[in-house]
Amino acid sequence: METNYEAIEKEHSAVARERLMEDLQGLTRDAEDLLKATAGDVSDKAKEARSRVSAALERARASYARMQDQTIASAKAAAKKADLVIRDHPYESIGIAFGVGLLIGVLVTRK
């Protein structure tokens, strides 16, 4: 049995990236809520804090967009790689699909 450590590392990286993207979404929502809640405060410290939060919010949005683009690009690359493998080995692909379908059929019809 062959172990592909590169695939394992990519999987862990993808999970970490997904968690980070969720955290960034939560952070941006919370920051927007904070900015809305403190809109009436006109003190100098509040204005300075609002400007820092706004700048951080823009950086978080940019990071999220960049990560989302990378995720889409990696998904497209994986789909292209799968397409190439299927085209290189069409009969094996059909056999595997048939086997998986048969297994699912047997499991579904079991009582």
Protein backbone atom coordinates (compact mmCIF):
# COMPACT_ATOMS: atom_id res chain seq x y z
CA MET A 1 0.00 0.00 0.00
CA GLU A 2 1.35 3.35 -1.00
CA THR A 3 0.96 6.38 1.23
CA ASN A 4 0.78 9.72 -0.48
CA TYR A 5 1.90 12.26 2.11
CA GLU A 6 1.46 15.13 -0.32
CA ALA A 7 -2.26 14.37 -0.61
CA ILE A 8 -2.59 14.12 3.18
CA GLU A 9 -0.85 17.47 3.66
CA LYS A 10 -3.07 19.07 1.00
CA GLU A 11 -6.17 17.69 2.72
CA HIS A 12 -5.12 19.11 6.08
CA SER A 13 -4.25 22.38 4.38
CA ALA A 14 -7.67 22.51 2.73
CA VAL A 15 -9.41 21.91 6.08
CA ALA A 16 -7.32 24.61 7.74
CA ARG A 17 -8.02 27.00 4.85
CA GLU A 18 -11.77 26.33 5.13
CA ARG A 19 -11.72 27.00 8.88
CA LEU A 20 -9.74 30.19 8.35
CA MET A 21 -12.23 31.36 5.71
CA GLU A 22 -15.12 30.71 8.11
CA ASP A 23 -13.30 32.63 10.85
CA LEU A 24 -12.68 35.54 8.48
CA GLN A 25 -16.37 35.62 7.57
CA GLY A 26 -17.33 35.67 11.25
CA LEU A 27 -14.78 38.37 11.98
CA THR A 28 -16.05 40.59 9.19
CA ARG A 29 -19.64 40.18 10.36
CA ASP A 30 -18.66 41.03 13.94
CA ALA A 31 -16.60 44.02 12.84
CA GLU A 32 -19.44 45.35 10.71
CA ASP A 33 -21.82 44.97 13.67
CA LEU A 34 -19.35 46.79 15.91
CA LEU A 35 -19.01 49.64 13.42
CA LYS A 36 -22.79 49.96 13.19
CA ALA A 37 -23.18 49.88 16.98
CA THR A 38 -20.59 52.60 17.56
CA ALA A 39 -21.74 54.87 14.73
CA GLY A 40 -23.21 57.39 17.18
CA ASP A 41 -20.02 57.77 19.28
CA VAL A 42 -18.16 60.88 18.12
CA SER A 43 -15.18 60.94 20.52
CA ASP A 44 -11.68 61.05 19.07
CA LYS A 45 -10.76 57.62 20.47
CA ALA A 46 -13.89 56.09 18.98
CA LYS A 47 -13.17 57.66 15.59
CA GLU A 48 -9.61 56.35 15.67
CA ALA A 49 -10.76 52.87 16.71
CA ARG A 50 -13.42 52.88 13.99
CA SER A 51 -10.84 53.79 11.36
CA ARG A 52 -8.52 50.98 12.53
CA VAL A 53 -11.37 48.49 12.54
CA SER A 54 -12.43 49.63 9.08
CA ALA A 55 -8.89 49.16 7.75
CA ALA A 56 -8.64 45.72 9.34
CA LEU A 57 -12.04 44.83 7.92
CA GLU A 58 -10.92 45.74 4.41
CA ARG A 59 -7.74 43.65 4.80
CA ALA A 60 -9.82 40.71 6.04
CA ARG A 61 -12.18 41.01 3.07
CA ALA A 62 -9.22 41.10 0.68
CA SER A 63 -7.65 38.05 2.33
CA TYR A 64 -10.94 36.18 2.17
CA ALA A 65 -11.36 36.99 -1.52
CA ARG A 66 -7.79 35.89 -2.25
CA MET A 67 -8.27 32.61 -0.36
CA GLN A 68 -11.57 31.97 -2.12
CA ASP A 69 -9.90 32.47 -5.50
CA GLN A 70 -7.14 30.03 -4.50
CA THR A 71 -9.72 27.46 -3.41
CA ILE A 72 -11.57 27.76 -6.71
CA ALA A 73 -8.31 27.46 -8.65
CA SER A 74 -7.28 24.33 -6.73
CA ALA A 75 -10.73 22.78 -7.28
CA LYS A 76 -10.45 23.44 -11.00
CA ALA A 77 -6.97 21.88 -11.05
CA ALA A 78 -8.25 18.80 -9.23
CA ALA A 79 -11.13 18.46 -11.68
CA LYS A 80 -8.76 18.71 -14.63
CA LYS A 81 -6.48 16.09 -13.08
CA ALA A 82 -9.43 13.75 -12.50
CA ASP A 83 -10.54 14.27 -16.10
CA LEU A 84 -7.08 13.37 -17.36
CA VAL A 85 -6.96 10.21 -15.24
CA ILE A 86 -10.39 9.14 -16.48
CA ARG A 87 -9.40 9.80 -20.08
CA ASP A 88 -6.14 7.85 -19.63
CA HIS A 89 -7.92 4.88 -18.01
CA PRO A 90 -11.51 4.80 -19.33
CA TYR A 91 -12.25 1.11 -18.74
CA GLU A 92 -10.87 1.13 -15.22
CA SER A 93 -12.98 4.23 -14.49
CA ILE A 94 -16.11 2.54 -15.81
CA GLY A 95 -15.36 -0.56 -13.73
CA ILE A 96 -14.86 1.47 -10.56
CA ALA A 97 -18.06 3.45 -11.19
CA PHE A 98 -19.96 0.20 -11.78
CA GLY A 99 -18.58 -1.33 -8.58
CA VAL A 100 -19.44 1.72 -6.48
CA GLY A 101 -22.93 1.84 -8.00
CA LEU A 102 -23.44 -1.86 -7.30
CA LEU A 103 -22.29 -1.43 -3.69
CA ILE A 104 -24.63 1.51 -3.18
CA GLY A 105 -27.49 -0.44 -4.75
CA VAL A 106 -26.90 -3.39 -2.44
CA LEU A 107 -26.73 -1.16 0.62
CA VAL A 108 -29.89 0.74 -0.33
CA THR A 109 -31.97 -2.38 -0.99
CA ARG A 110 -30.94 -4.05 2.28
CA LYS A 111 -33.61 -4.22 4.93
